[in-house]
Amino acid sequence: MTVTVSLVLLLAIGLGALFKGGHLRTGAAVVAVLFGFYLANTDAAPTVNKTVTSITDAITGIGN
């Protein structure tokens, strides 16, 4: 059985864990969220998306 989890959900959980654990302060969390939001609206977004897709495909291909 394959379980698919959104990368956005995983990153949100990671950001929340860092924030709750005291490793990330409120200001830094806001900057991280805004950076991601604005990065998605730039010309770099397709490159970032392709890179992340390639990495996740490589990770899932290790077990095959």
Protein backbone atom coordinates (compact mmCIF):
# COMPACT_ATOMS: atom_id res chain seq x y z
CA MET A 1 0.00 0.00 0.00
CA THR A 2 1.31 3.42 -0.94
CA VAL A 3 0.68 6.42 1.26
CA THR A 4 1.10 9.84 -0.31
CA VAL A 5 1.74 12.85 1.90
CA SER A 6 1.94 16.36 0.56
CA LEU A 7 5.40 17.89 0.75
CA VAL A 8 3.76 21.11 1.91
CA LEU A 9 2.21 19.24 4.83
CA LEU A 10 5.56 17.68 5.76
CA LEU A 11 7.31 21.05 5.62
CA ALA A 12 4.55 22.65 7.71
CA ILE A 13 4.92 19.92 10.33
CA GLY A 14 8.70 20.38 10.35
CA LEU A 15 8.35 24.14 10.71
CA GLY A 16 5.82 23.67 13.51
CA ALA A 17 8.11 21.21 15.30
CA LEU A 18 11.05 23.61 15.09
CA PHE A 19 8.87 26.43 16.38
CA LYS A 20 7.41 24.39 19.25
CA GLY A 21 10.80 22.98 20.20
CA GLY A 22 12.20 26.46 20.67
CA HIS A 23 14.65 26.17 17.79
CA LEU A 24 12.74 28.71 15.74
CA ARG A 25 11.37 32.00 16.98
CA THR A 26 8.21 33.67 15.76
CA GLY A 27 10.00 36.21 13.57
CA ALA A 28 12.09 33.56 11.85
CA ALA A 29 9.01 31.39 11.27
CA VAL A 30 7.17 34.30 9.66
CA VAL A 31 10.18 35.04 7.44
CA ALA A 32 10.42 31.36 6.42
CA VAL A 33 6.73 31.20 5.51
CA LEU A 34 6.81 34.48 3.61
CA PHE A 35 9.98 33.44 1.78
CA GLY A 36 8.30 30.25 0.60
CA PHE A 37 5.17 32.14 -0.39
CA TYR A 38 7.03 34.70 -2.45
CA LEU A 39 9.48 32.17 -3.90
CA ALA A 40 6.52 30.33 -5.37
CA ASN A 41 5.68 33.45 -7.37
CA THR A 42 9.12 33.87 -8.94
CA ASP A 43 10.79 32.41 -12.01
CA ALA A 44 12.75 30.10 -9.69
CA ALA A 45 9.61 28.15 -8.72
CA PRO A 46 9.71 25.66 -11.64
CA THR A 47 13.40 24.95 -11.01
CA VAL A 48 12.80 24.38 -7.30
CA ASN A 49 9.83 22.16 -8.11
CA LYS A 50 11.82 20.07 -10.60
CA THR A 51 14.70 19.71 -8.13
CA VAL A 52 12.44 18.57 -5.30
CA THR A 53 10.61 16.19 -7.64
CA SER A 54 13.92 14.69 -8.80
CA ILE A 55 15.09 14.20 -5.22
CA THR A 56 11.83 12.57 -4.12
CA ASP A 57 11.85 10.32 -7.21
CA ALA A 58 15.41 9.28 -6.40
CA ILE A 59 14.50 8.53 -2.79
CA THR A 60 11.47 6.46 -3.75
CA GLY A 61 13.52 4.67 -6.40
CA ILE A 62 16.07 3.41 -3.85
CA GLY A 63 13.81 0.61 -2.67
CA ASN A 64 13.00 -0.63 -6.17
